Amino acid sequence: MAKQDMKKDVAVPALGVIGMLRWAWAQLTSMRTALFLLLLLAVAAVPGSVFPQRAVNPEQVAAYLTNKPTLGAWLDRFQLFDVFSSAWFSAIYLLLFISLIGCILPRVKKHAKALRTPPPRTPSRLNRLPQNGTIEIESAEASGISNEQIIADATKLLKKRGYRAEARPEGDSPSVGAERGYSREIGNLLFHISLVGILASVAVGGSFGYGGQRVLVEGETFVNSLVSYDSFKPGTWFKEESLNPYSVKLDKFNITFDRESTTHFGQPIDFTAEVETRRSPDAPVQKETIRVNHPLRINGADVYLVGNGYAPVVTVRDGQGNVSFSGPVVSVPQDGMYTSLLVIKAPDAKPDQLGFQGFLLPTAMTDETGFAISGDPNAINPQLQLNSYYGNLGLDDGNPQNVYVLETDQLKELNNRNLKAGGIVLGAGQTYELPDGKGSISFDGLKRFVGLDINYDPSKRPVAIFAGLALLGLAISLFTPRRRVWVKIKTSVDDSGREERIIEYGLLARGEDPRLESEAKELRKLLEQQWPAVVRAGV
């Protein structure tokens, strides 16, 4: 009964605010928590590959929200279309960063102390260690070798083998304590510090880097400024002043097609963009090339070749005979023969705005049914087949439009194969007069265009350096054995009064070390070679 009353009277002291904070910090900075957060970060990245991301494909996100409004609204509410910039992903990332730092700092402090700490004391019974042995030598009087000399020689021998050794000549049983493998923990720390460096570098790259796209027609020049990009995605802390000035002019784009294979005939096998670059406004012009998987590296940015096609050069005149549009029009390839969709908009035409949409056939021909197709990806017989419209293009309303789509809701058809006027068919160098005196359109020539992806990532080099250091640290940690060795001299007197001396040695591995036995054999061999006064080797 008294015991029960005592238990009731026991009160567990409250942690308090400081105690609770210490407990939370200890939990956050444990290695188990760091591993859990690393796994959680990998799981959290999965939605970024399942759902379209607004930063990469805003059109797909908009289409998803349109097709699945209820589900899309909930997904957007939880930032599943912006996974890598979401609050919850950033929180996991930040917690992992803090956890790793909290794990590393105490280990660095502990290892720094271990480096200054002498090897552990010599065990009294070395024969209990996994690897051990004895070497019997003659007495100091008979051999002329003192215990101090043996201990000094053994210390030097162990230091030559990479051990940090400490001689202990005092006492009845002088000994040497030695340890090696401190670099194992250094490699482990290097790996974790490098992992923190990778995380920090990626965060810096995402904050100060940028990416953008630009479609460049032969003869056009791209200047690295915001207005020159077709689309641009800046980092969180990006500033326009950080854009390095340079220019890239597309001189010529060449495609090599397969003309020998029967199964892949006509397929492109090589792309080469010949460009002229200036690395600063005052720099000389340099001729360079961009190929697939061989980007142009200029002023810290990488310029990748990601697309290509044809850009027919057209001239549109309105009903008053004035030029309302003139220049190349980017067409979007639809198949391997480069049959391409194109849209032409002439908002300056008077009295009515004009619009055209249709196909470009690089090598126009008809199939068995009489349908017009492209028989070759090269521009052997280029032809435009268009429908024309007039009315309000909707560009004056201030609402953004896709340049590759013609909104026909407020337009009336002028040309169509089902109308009396028929569709527009234009070969290179030909002009077509539009019905009702609305104007004309001319097919003046054909150029090629390329799609460029420009990426500036200041973290690329630091990430590569830290990744290399992480691999180095991992290799050091995996392949460096942690061992301890002791060598001790035992002196005794037999029944006849003769002094006997025995060199006793033992080895101990910290962790699994399959090479410990071979190390013991090598150590014994070196000890026996060190003193020729050996008379018998014991076990």
Protein backbone atom coordinates (compact mmCIF):
# COMPACT_ATOMS: atom_id res chain seq x y z
CA MET A 1 0.00 0.00 0.00
CA ALA A 2 2.85 2.31 0.86
CA LYS A 3 4.48 1.57 -2.45
CA GLN A 4 1.28 2.46 -4.33
CA ASP A 5 1.04 5.75 -2.45
CA MET A 6 4.65 6.53 -3.34
CA LYS A 7 3.95 5.89 -7.03
CA LYS A 8 0.99 8.25 -6.91
CA ASP A 9 3.13 10.96 -5.38
CA VAL A 10 5.78 10.74 -8.15
CA ALA A 11 5.42 13.72 -10.54
CA VAL A 12 7.21 13.89 -13.86
CA PRO A 13 8.72 17.37 -14.23
CA ALA A 14 7.47 19.42 -17.18
CA LEU A 15 9.87 19.99 -20.02
CA GLY A 16 9.06 23.63 -20.38
CA VAL A 17 9.55 25.71 -23.51
CA ILE A 18 13.34 25.39 -23.59
CA GLY A 19 13.22 21.67 -22.89
CA MET A 20 10.64 21.15 -25.60
CA LEU A 21 12.76 23.10 -28.10
CA ARG A 22 15.81 21.03 -27.21
CA TRP A 23 13.83 17.82 -27.65
CA ALA A 24 12.48 18.99 -31.03
CA TRP A 25 16.00 19.96 -32.16
CA ALA A 26 17.37 16.58 -31.08
CA GLN A 27 14.66 14.80 -33.06
CA LEU A 28 15.14 16.98 -36.15
CA THR A 29 18.92 16.60 -36.20
CA SER A 30 18.98 12.83 -35.78
CA MET A 31 20.23 10.72 -38.69
CA ARG A 32 16.97 8.78 -38.70
CA THR A 33 15.02 11.99 -39.31
CA ALA A 34 17.43 13.06 -42.06
CA LEU A 35 16.97 9.73 -43.86
CA PHE A 36 13.19 9.98 -43.47
CA LEU A 37 13.17 13.53 -44.89
CA LEU A 38 15.34 12.41 -47.81
CA LEU A 39 12.84 9.64 -48.57
CA LEU A 40 9.95 12.06 -48.12
CA LEU A 41 11.55 14.51 -50.56
CA ALA A 42 11.79 11.77 -53.19
CA VAL A 43 8.13 10.85 -52.65
CA ALA A 44 7.09 14.52 -52.76
CA ALA A 45 8.75 14.87 -56.17
CA VAL A 46 6.53 12.15 -57.68
CA PRO A 47 3.52 14.45 -58.36
CA GLY A 48 5.86 16.66 -60.37
CA SER A 49 6.19 13.87 -62.93
CA VAL A 50 2.54 12.75 -62.75
CA PHE A 51 0.81 16.10 -63.24
CA PRO A 52 1.78 18.81 -65.76
CA GLN A 53 3.79 21.62 -64.22
CA ARG A 54 2.90 25.23 -64.83
CA ALA A 55 6.56 26.26 -65.06
CA VAL A 56 7.23 23.78 -67.88
CA ASN A 57 3.91 23.30 -69.72
CA PRO A 58 1.44 26.09 -68.87
CA GLU A 59 -0.70 25.10 -71.88
CA GLN A 60 -1.14 21.56 -70.55
CA VAL A 61 -2.05 22.91 -67.11
CA ALA A 62 -4.67 25.19 -68.66
CA ALA A 63 -6.06 22.29 -70.70
CA TYR A 64 -6.18 20.08 -67.56
CA LEU A 65 -8.09 22.76 -65.66
CA THR A 66 -10.51 23.11 -68.57
CA ASN A 67 -11.11 19.39 -69.07
CA LYS A 68 -11.29 18.51 -65.35
CA PRO A 69 -12.43 21.68 -63.59
CA THR A 70 -13.34 20.13 -60.22
CA LEU A 71 -10.32 17.88 -59.83
CA GLY A 72 -8.03 20.49 -61.38
CA ALA A 73 -9.19 23.14 -58.91
CA TRP A 74 -8.39 20.88 -55.95
CA LEU A 75 -5.02 19.91 -57.39
CA ASP A 76 -4.20 23.57 -57.97
CA ARG A 77 -5.28 24.37 -54.42
CA PHE A 78 -2.67 21.94 -53.12
CA GLN A 79 -0.06 23.35 -55.55
CA LEU A 80 0.30 20.06 -57.43
CA PHE A 81 0.80 22.00 -60.67
CA ASP A 82 3.70 23.89 -59.03
CA VAL A 83 5.26 21.06 -57.03
CA PHE A 84 8.88 22.21 -56.97
CA SER A 85 8.02 25.75 -55.93
CA SER A 86 5.19 24.78 -53.55
CA ALA A 87 5.23 25.65 -49.87
CA TRP A 88 5.13 22.01 -48.73
CA PHE A 89 7.96 20.88 -51.03
CA SER A 90 10.08 23.86 -49.95
CA ALA A 91 9.36 23.05 -46.30
CA ILE A 92 10.59 19.45 -46.72
CA TYR A 93 13.65 20.72 -48.59
CA LEU A 94 14.46 23.26 -45.87
CA LEU A 95 13.92 20.77 -43.04
CA LEU A 96 16.22 18.27 -44.76
CA PHE A 97 18.84 21.00 -45.14
CA ILE A 98 18.63 21.93 -41.44
CA SER A 99 18.58 18.29 -40.34
CA LEU A 100 21.73 17.44 -42.27
CA ILE A 101 23.58 20.46 -40.86
CA GLY A 102 22.43 19.54 -37.37
CA CYS A 103 23.72 15.99 -37.88
CA ILE A 104 27.05 17.06 -39.29
CA LEU A 105 28.14 19.73 -36.80
CA PRO A 106 28.21 17.47 -33.69
CA ARG A 107 29.98 14.74 -35.67
CA VAL A 108 32.62 17.20 -36.88
CA LYS A 109 33.19 18.34 -33.30
CA LYS A 110 33.37 14.76 -32.04
CA HIS A 111 35.77 13.67 -34.78
CA ALA A 112 38.00 16.70 -34.21
CA LYS A 113 38.24 15.62 -30.58
CA ALA A 114 38.97 12.02 -31.62
CA LEU A 115 41.85 13.19 -33.81
CA ARG A 116 43.49 14.76 -30.74
CA THR A 117 42.76 11.80 -28.48
CA PRO A 118 45.55 9.20 -28.14
CA PRO A 119 44.84 5.59 -29.09
CA PRO A 120 42.96 3.61 -26.42
CA ARG A 121 44.84 2.00 -23.56
CA THR A 122 46.50 -1.33 -24.08
CA PRO A 123 44.28 -4.29 -23.05
CA SER A 124 45.68 -6.57 -20.38
CA ARG A 125 44.89 -9.72 -22.39
CA LEU A 126 45.70 -9.32 -26.07
CA ASN A 127 45.02 -13.01 -26.67
CA ARG A 128 41.30 -12.30 -26.45
CA LEU A 129 41.38 -10.08 -29.56
CA PRO A 130 40.22 -11.50 -32.93
CA GLN A 131 43.77 -11.53 -34.33
CA ASN A 132 46.71 -11.98 -31.97
CA GLY A 133 50.07 -13.71 -31.61
CA THR A 134 53.36 -13.83 -29.73
CA ILE A 135 57.03 -13.64 -30.66
CA GLU A 136 59.61 -14.86 -28.10
CA ILE A 137 62.99 -13.13 -28.12
CA GLU A 138 66.06 -13.42 -25.98
CA SER A 139 66.64 -11.33 -22.91
CA ALA A 140 67.98 -7.80 -23.07
CA GLU A 141 71.37 -8.93 -21.77
CA ALA A 142 71.72 -11.70 -24.36
CA SER A 143 70.36 -9.80 -27.36
CA GLY A 144 71.49 -6.28 -26.51
CA ILE A 145 68.07 -4.92 -27.39
CA SER A 146 66.27 -3.09 -24.60
CA ASN A 147 62.52 -2.92 -24.11
CA GLU A 148 62.60 0.80 -24.87
CA GLN A 149 64.32 0.13 -28.19
CA ILE A 150 61.77 -2.53 -29.14
CA ILE A 151 58.89 -0.21 -28.30
CA ALA A 152 60.49 2.66 -30.28
CA ASP A 153 61.09 0.42 -33.30
CA ALA A 154 57.55 -0.96 -33.18
CA THR A 155 56.18 2.59 -32.99
CA LYS A 156 58.12 3.62 -36.11
CA LEU A 157 57.02 0.47 -37.95
CA LEU A 158 53.33 1.12 -37.22
CA LYS A 159 53.60 4.76 -38.23
CA LYS A 160 55.08 3.69 -41.58
CA ARG A 161 51.96 1.54 -42.10
CA GLY A 162 49.70 4.53 -41.63
CA TYR A 163 48.84 4.09 -37.96
CA ARG A 164 48.75 6.88 -35.43
CA ALA A 165 50.90 5.27 -32.75
CA GLU A 166 51.76 6.17 -29.18
CA ALA A 167 54.69 4.58 -27.33
CA ARG A 168 54.08 3.60 -23.70
CA PRO A 169 57.49 2.48 -22.38
CA GLU A 170 56.64 2.83 -18.69
CA GLY A 171 55.60 0.03 -16.38
CA ASP A 172 56.32 -3.66 -16.19
CA SER A 173 54.75 -4.31 -19.61
CA PRO A 174 55.77 -1.50 -22.01
CA SER A 175 53.51 -1.27 -25.05
CA VAL A 176 52.49 0.59 -28.18
CA GLY A 177 48.94 1.60 -28.93
CA ALA A 178 48.08 2.42 -32.52
CA GLU A 179 44.97 3.19 -34.55
CA ARG A 180 44.26 3.91 -38.20
CA GLY A 181 41.23 4.65 -40.35
CA TYR A 182 40.41 8.13 -39.09
CA SER A 183 39.92 9.09 -42.74
CA ARG A 184 36.88 6.78 -42.80
CA GLU A 185 34.92 9.22 -40.68
CA ILE A 186 36.42 12.11 -42.66
CA GLY A 187 35.06 10.50 -45.82
CA ASN A 188 31.68 10.06 -44.16
CA LEU A 189 31.63 13.70 -43.13
CA LEU A 190 32.79 14.77 -46.58
CA PHE A 191 29.89 12.86 -48.13
CA HIS A 192 27.30 14.51 -45.90
CA ILE A 193 28.83 17.98 -46.24
CA SER A 194 28.83 17.52 -50.01
CA LEU A 195 25.18 16.50 -49.87
CA VAL A 196 24.41 19.76 -48.06
CA GLY A 197 26.46 21.57 -50.71
CA ILE A 198 24.41 19.96 -53.48
CA LEU A 199 21.15 20.98 -51.81
CA ALA A 200 22.40 24.54 -51.28
CA SER A 201 23.70 24.78 -54.85
CA VAL A 202 20.41 23.57 -56.30
CA ALA A 203 18.56 26.14 -54.19
CA VAL A 204 20.88 28.91 -55.39
CA GLY A 205 20.49 27.77 -59.01
CA GLY A 206 16.72 27.78 -58.73
CA SER A 207 16.77 31.24 -57.18
CA PHE A 208 19.22 33.06 -59.44
CA GLY A 209 19.00 31.02 -62.65
CA TYR A 210 16.58 31.38 -65.52
CA GLY A 211 15.38 29.55 -68.58
CA GLY A 212 13.69 30.61 -71.79
CA GLN A 213 12.84 29.67 -75.34
CA ARG A 214 13.24 31.43 -78.63
CA VAL A 215 12.32 30.51 -82.21
CA LEU A 216 15.00 31.80 -84.56
CA VAL A 217 14.62 31.98 -88.34
CA GLU A 218 17.65 31.94 -90.64
CA GLY A 219 19.08 35.45 -90.78
CA GLU A 220 17.55 36.53 -87.46
CA THR A 221 19.57 37.46 -84.35
CA PHE A 222 18.78 36.68 -80.74
CA VAL A 223 20.04 39.20 -78.17
CA ASN A 224 20.05 38.14 -74.54
CA SER A 225 17.41 40.51 -73.20
CA LEU A 226 13.93 39.90 -71.82
CA VAL A 227 12.14 41.26 -74.89
CA SER A 228 13.97 38.78 -77.14
CA TYR A 229 12.55 35.67 -75.48
CA ASP A 230 9.36 34.01 -76.70
CA SER A 231 8.87 32.56 -73.21
CA PHE A 232 10.88 33.18 -70.07
CA LYS A 233 10.95 31.57 -66.62
CA PRO A 234 13.03 33.51 -64.07
CA GLY A 235 14.29 32.25 -60.73
CA THR A 236 12.87 33.54 -57.47
CA TRP A 237 15.58 36.18 -56.98
CA PHE A 238 16.36 36.81 -60.63
CA LYS A 239 17.03 40.40 -61.68
CA GLU A 240 17.02 41.65 -65.25
CA GLU A 241 20.39 43.32 -64.69
CA SER A 242 21.98 39.89 -64.25
CA LEU A 243 21.46 38.97 -67.91
CA ASN A 244 24.88 38.72 -69.54
CA PRO A 245 24.92 40.56 -72.88
CA TYR A 246 25.54 38.34 -75.90
CA SER A 247 23.99 37.68 -79.29
CA VAL A 248 23.40 34.62 -81.46
CA LYS A 249 22.62 34.93 -85.18
CA LEU A 250 21.37 31.90 -87.13
CA ASP A 251 23.21 31.83 -90.44
CA LYS A 252 22.08 28.47 -91.73
CA PHE A 253 20.39 25.34 -90.52
CA ASN A 254 21.27 22.01 -92.11
CA ILE A 255 19.52 18.67 -91.81
CA THR A 256 20.93 15.39 -93.07
CA PHE A 257 18.24 12.86 -93.99
CA ASP A 258 18.57 9.10 -94.29
CA ARG A 259 18.70 8.28 -98.01
CA GLU A 260 20.02 4.72 -97.82
CA SER A 261 17.92 2.79 -95.32
CA THR A 262 14.72 1.17 -96.58
CA THR A 263 13.00 1.14 -93.19
CA HIS A 264 13.96 4.67 -92.06
CA PHE A 265 14.18 6.42 -95.42
CA GLY A 266 13.73 10.16 -95.13
CA GLN A 267 14.22 10.34 -91.38
CA PRO A 268 16.59 13.05 -90.10
CA ILE A 269 19.89 11.73 -88.76
CA ASP A 270 21.80 14.96 -88.09
CA PHE A 271 20.97 18.58 -87.27
CA THR A 272 23.49 21.42 -87.43
CA ALA A 273 22.83 25.09 -86.77
CA GLU A 274 25.59 27.38 -88.02
CA VAL A 275 25.57 30.56 -85.93
CA GLU A 276 27.51 33.77 -85.43
CA THR A 277 28.00 34.82 -81.81
CA ARG A 278 29.18 37.90 -79.95
CA ARG A 279 30.02 37.40 -76.29
CA SER A 280 29.77 41.14 -75.61
CA PRO A 281 28.77 44.20 -77.64
CA ASP A 282 32.42 44.94 -78.42
CA ALA A 283 33.55 41.33 -78.92
CA PRO A 284 34.46 40.04 -82.39
CA VAL A 285 32.08 37.77 -84.28
CA GLN A 286 32.74 34.05 -83.85
CA LYS A 287 31.37 31.28 -86.04
CA GLU A 288 30.11 28.29 -84.03
CA THR A 289 27.74 25.36 -84.42
CA ILE A 290 24.91 23.96 -82.30
CA ARG A 291 23.97 20.31 -82.57
CA VAL A 292 21.65 18.00 -80.70
CA ASN A 293 23.24 17.16 -77.33
CA HIS A 294 26.07 19.59 -78.14
CA PRO A 295 24.81 22.95 -76.87
CA LEU A 296 26.42 26.32 -77.35
CA ARG A 297 27.96 27.50 -74.08
CA ILE A 298 28.17 31.25 -73.97
CA ASN A 299 28.65 33.58 -70.97
CA GLY A 300 27.57 30.89 -68.51
CA ALA A 301 24.40 29.98 -70.42
CA ASP A 302 23.69 26.81 -72.39
CA VAL A 303 21.86 27.17 -75.69
CA TYR A 304 20.24 23.88 -76.73
CA LEU A 305 18.79 22.94 -80.11
CA VAL A 306 15.32 21.54 -79.36
CA GLY A 307 13.25 21.95 -82.54
CA ASN A 308 13.25 22.96 -86.17
CA GLY A 309 11.04 23.41 -89.20
CA TYR A 310 10.27 25.59 -92.20
CA ALA A 311 9.35 29.27 -92.23
CA PRO A 312 7.77 30.31 -95.57
CA VAL A 313 8.35 33.96 -96.47
CA VAL A 314 5.05 35.58 -97.45
CA THR A 315 3.80 39.05 -98.35
CA VAL A 316 0.19 40.05 -97.69
CA ARG A 317 -1.31 43.13 -99.35
CA ASP A 318 -4.68 44.51 -98.30
CA GLY A 319 -7.55 45.77 -100.42
CA GLN A 320 -5.88 49.14 -100.79
CA GLY A 321 -2.70 47.60 -102.19
CA ASN A 322 -0.60 48.32 -99.09
CA VAL A 323 1.71 45.73 -97.57
CA SER A 324 0.07 44.66 -94.28
CA PHE A 325 2.42 41.78 -93.54
CA SER A 326 5.77 40.66 -94.89
CA GLY A 327 8.30 38.18 -93.55
CA PRO A 328 8.84 34.56 -92.54
CA VAL A 329 6.08 32.63 -90.82
CA VAL A 330 6.96 29.78 -88.50
CA SER A 331 5.11 26.57 -89.38
CA VAL A 332 4.69 23.64 -87.00
CA PRO A 333 5.74 20.21 -88.38
CA GLN A 334 3.09 17.51 -88.09
CA ASP A 335 4.86 14.42 -89.43
CA GLY A 336 8.19 13.04 -90.58
CA MET A 337 7.74 14.59 -94.04
CA TYR A 338 7.57 18.04 -92.41
CA THR A 339 3.99 18.65 -93.43
CA SER A 340 3.48 21.78 -91.35
CA LEU A 341 0.61 23.86 -90.01
CA LEU A 342 0.88 27.63 -90.28
CA VAL A 343 -1.19 30.66 -89.38
CA ILE A 344 -0.77 34.14 -90.86
CA LYS A 345 -2.36 37.19 -89.24
CA ALA A 346 -2.48 40.62 -90.89
CA PRO A 347 -4.14 42.95 -88.36
CA ASP A 348 -2.98 46.08 -90.25
CA ALA A 349 -4.91 45.18 -93.41
CA LYS A 350 -7.61 47.65 -94.50
CA PRO A 351 -10.49 47.90 -94.74
CA ASP A 352 -10.73 44.42 -93.17
CA GLN A 353 -8.19 42.47 -91.19
CA LEU A 354 -7.00 39.30 -92.93
CA GLY A 355 -6.10 35.87 -91.59
CA PHE A 356 -4.84 32.67 -93.21
CA GLN A 357 -4.41 29.11 -92.00
CA GLY A 358 -3.37 25.96 -93.77
CA PHE A 359 -0.45 23.69 -94.62
CA LEU A 360 3.05 23.89 -95.97
CA LEU A 361 4.07 20.91 -98.09
CA PRO A 362 7.88 20.88 -98.56
CA THR A 363 7.61 18.49 -101.51
CA ALA A 364 4.06 18.72 -102.80
CA MET A 365 2.58 15.72 -104.58
CA THR A 366 -0.71 13.78 -104.67
CA ASP A 367 -1.35 10.27 -103.43
CA GLU A 368 -3.51 7.60 -105.09
CA THR A 369 -6.71 9.30 -103.90
CA GLY A 370 -5.66 12.68 -105.27
CA PHE A 371 -5.01 14.10 -101.80
CA ALA A 372 -2.10 16.53 -101.54
CA ILE A 373 0.77 15.27 -99.39
CA SER A 374 4.47 15.93 -98.88
CA GLY A 375 6.56 13.18 -100.42
CA ASP A 376 9.90 14.24 -98.98
CA PRO A 377 11.09 16.26 -95.96
CA ASN A 378 13.42 18.33 -98.15
CA ALA A 379 11.98 21.43 -99.83
CA ILE A 380 12.03 20.11 -103.39
CA ASN A 381 8.64 21.45 -104.49
CA PRO A 382 7.33 23.69 -101.66
CA GLN A 383 3.67 24.57 -101.75
CA LEU A 384 1.24 26.47 -99.53
CA GLN A 385 -2.38 25.36 -99.24
CA LEU A 386 -4.38 27.95 -97.33
CA ASN A 387 -7.84 29.10 -96.35
CA SER A 388 -8.36 32.85 -95.99
CA TYR A 389 -10.59 34.90 -93.69
CA TYR A 390 -11.49 38.53 -93.14
CA GLY A 391 -13.02 40.42 -90.23
CA ASN A 392 -11.94 41.06 -86.65
CA LEU A 393 -8.91 38.99 -85.60
CA GLY A 394 -9.52 39.88 -81.94
CA LEU A 395 -6.01 41.26 -81.45
CA ASP A 396 -7.25 44.73 -80.54
CA ASP A 397 -9.15 43.50 -77.48
CA GLY A 398 -6.02 43.15 -75.40
CA ASN A 399 -6.57 39.44 -74.76
CA PRO A 400 -3.50 37.26 -75.42
CA GLN A 401 -3.70 34.79 -78.32
CA ASN A 402 -1.70 31.79 -79.42
CA VAL A 403 0.31 32.83 -82.47
CA TYR A 404 -0.15 29.34 -83.93
CA VAL A 405 -3.96 29.42 -83.67
CA LEU A 406 -6.39 31.54 -85.70
CA GLU A 407 -9.59 32.44 -83.83
CA THR A 408 -12.29 32.29 -86.53
CA ASP A 409 -15.36 33.11 -84.39
CA GLN A 410 -15.55 36.69 -85.63
CA LEU A 411 -14.18 36.03 -89.13
CA LYS A 412 -15.79 35.26 -92.48
CA GLU A 413 -14.28 32.84 -94.95
CA LEU A 414 -12.91 34.07 -98.25
CA ASN A 415 -11.23 30.92 -99.51
CA ASN A 416 -12.04 27.30 -98.81
CA ARG A 417 -12.12 24.20 -100.99
CA ASN A 418 -15.88 24.02 -100.35
CA LEU A 419 -16.48 27.60 -101.52
CA LYS A 420 -16.79 28.76 -105.12
CA ALA A 421 -13.44 30.55 -104.93
CA GLY A 422 -11.76 27.32 -103.72
CA GLY A 423 -8.68 27.11 -101.54
CA ILE A 424 -5.39 28.96 -102.06
CA VAL A 425 -2.60 26.91 -103.63
CA LEU A 426 0.71 28.73 -103.93
CA GLY A 427 4.04 27.54 -105.24
CA ALA A 428 7.30 29.34 -104.52
CA GLY A 429 7.32 32.75 -106.24
CA GLN A 430 3.57 32.80 -106.96
CA THR A 431 0.92 35.36 -105.95
CA TYR A 432 -2.79 34.82 -105.35
CA GLU A 433 -5.42 37.56 -105.62
CA LEU A 434 -8.05 37.29 -102.90
CA PRO A 435 -11.77 37.36 -103.82
CA ASP A 436 -13.85 40.53 -103.58
CA GLY A 437 -10.78 42.75 -103.89
CA LYS A 438 -9.65 41.98 -100.36
CA GLY A 439 -5.97 41.94 -101.34
CA SER A 440 -3.36 39.36 -102.26
CA ILE A 441 -0.81 36.95 -100.80
CA SER A 442 2.56 36.00 -102.24
CA PHE A 443 4.82 33.03 -101.47
CA ASP A 444 8.23 34.69 -101.77
CA GLY A 445 10.59 31.96 -100.51
CA LEU A 446 11.35 29.41 -97.84
CA LYS A 447 13.66 29.53 -94.86
CA ARG A 448 14.35 27.20 -91.95
CA PHE A 449 13.92 27.96 -88.28
CA VAL A 450 15.23 26.43 -85.06
CA GLY A 451 13.80 26.26 -81.58
CA LEU A 452 16.37 27.22 -78.96
CA ASP A 453 16.20 26.50 -75.25
CA ILE A 454 18.39 28.90 -73.27
CA ASN A 455 19.25 27.85 -69.75
CA TYR A 456 21.40 29.67 -67.20
CA ASP A 457 22.09 27.69 -64.06
CA PRO A 458 24.79 29.08 -61.73
CA SER A 459 24.60 25.91 -59.63
CA LYS A 460 25.74 23.57 -62.38
CA ARG A 461 29.46 23.75 -61.63
CA PRO A 462 29.09 23.73 -57.81
CA VAL A 463 26.73 20.75 -58.05
CA ALA A 464 29.26 18.89 -60.20
CA ILE A 465 32.06 19.68 -57.72
CA PHE A 466 30.01 18.64 -54.68
CA ALA A 467 28.80 15.50 -56.45
CA GLY A 468 32.41 14.53 -57.17
CA LEU A 469 33.36 15.22 -53.54
CA ALA A 470 30.39 13.16 -52.36
CA LEU A 471 31.54 10.19 -54.45
CA LEU A 472 35.08 10.64 -53.16
CA GLY A 473 33.86 10.77 -49.56
CA LEU A 474 31.68 7.71 -50.10
CA ALA A 475 34.62 5.77 -51.57
CA ILE A 476 36.87 6.76 -48.65
CA SER A 477 34.18 5.77 -46.17
CA LEU A 478 33.55 2.38 -47.79
CA PHE A 479 37.11 1.30 -48.51
CA THR A 480 39.03 2.64 -45.50
CA PRO A 481 39.28 0.07 -42.68
CA ARG A 482 39.20 1.26 -39.07
CA ARG A 483 41.74 -0.81 -37.08
CA ARG A 484 43.47 -0.80 -33.72
CA VAL A 485 46.80 -2.51 -32.99
CA TRP A 486 48.68 -3.06 -29.74
CA VAL A 487 52.19 -4.41 -29.28
CA LYS A 488 53.28 -5.30 -25.74
CA ILE A 489 56.38 -6.78 -24.14
CA LYS A 490 55.94 -9.31 -21.33
CA THR A 491 58.93 -10.34 -19.23
CA SER A 492 59.06 -13.43 -17.01
CA VAL A 493 61.62 -15.68 -15.28
CA ASP A 494 61.53 -19.46 -15.77
CA ASP A 495 62.30 -22.13 -13.17
CA SER A 496 66.01 -22.03 -14.02
CA GLY A 497 66.17 -18.31 -13.36
CA ARG A 498 66.51 -17.39 -17.03
CA GLU A 499 64.71 -14.23 -18.16
CA GLU A 500 62.18 -14.69 -20.96
CA ARG A 501 60.74 -11.89 -23.10
CA ILE A 502 57.69 -12.22 -25.29
CA ILE A 503 56.41 -9.67 -27.82
CA GLU A 504 52.64 -9.94 -27.76
CA TYR A 505 50.48 -8.27 -30.42
CA GLY A 506 46.75 -8.02 -31.08
CA LEU A 507 44.51 -6.46 -33.72
CA LEU A 508 40.93 -5.30 -33.51
CA ALA A 509 38.69 -4.00 -36.29
CA ARG A 510 35.93 -1.48 -35.71
CA GLY A 511 33.23 -3.01 -37.83
CA GLU A 512 33.57 -5.67 -40.51
CA ASP A 513 37.09 -6.01 -41.89
CA PRO A 514 37.78 -9.17 -43.92
CA ARG A 515 41.39 -8.08 -44.43
CA LEU A 516 42.23 -8.00 -40.73
CA GLU A 517 43.75 -11.50 -40.83
CA SER A 518 46.09 -10.60 -43.69
CA GLU A 519 47.07 -7.44 -41.82
CA ALA A 520 47.94 -9.54 -38.77
CA LYS A 521 50.14 -11.83 -40.86
CA GLU A 522 51.91 -8.89 -42.46
CA LEU A 523 52.46 -7.25 -39.08
CA ARG A 524 53.97 -10.45 -37.65
CA LYS A 525 56.28 -10.77 -40.62
CA LEU A 526 57.51 -7.19 -40.21
CA LEU A 527 58.01 -7.61 -36.47
CA GLU A 528 60.08 -10.76 -37.02
CA GLN A 529 62.19 -8.98 -39.62
CA GLN A 530 62.69 -6.00 -37.33
CA TRP A 531 64.75 -7.93 -34.75
CA PRO A 532 66.99 -10.82 -35.84
CA ALA A 533 67.23 -12.02 -32.23
CA VAL A 534 64.02 -14.00 -32.60
CA VAL A 535 64.44 -17.49 -31.21
CA ARG A 536 60.91 -18.88 -31.39
CA ALA A 537 57.50 -17.82 -32.62
CA GLY A 538 54.61 -18.74 -30.41
CA VAL A 539 50.91 -18.79 -31.11
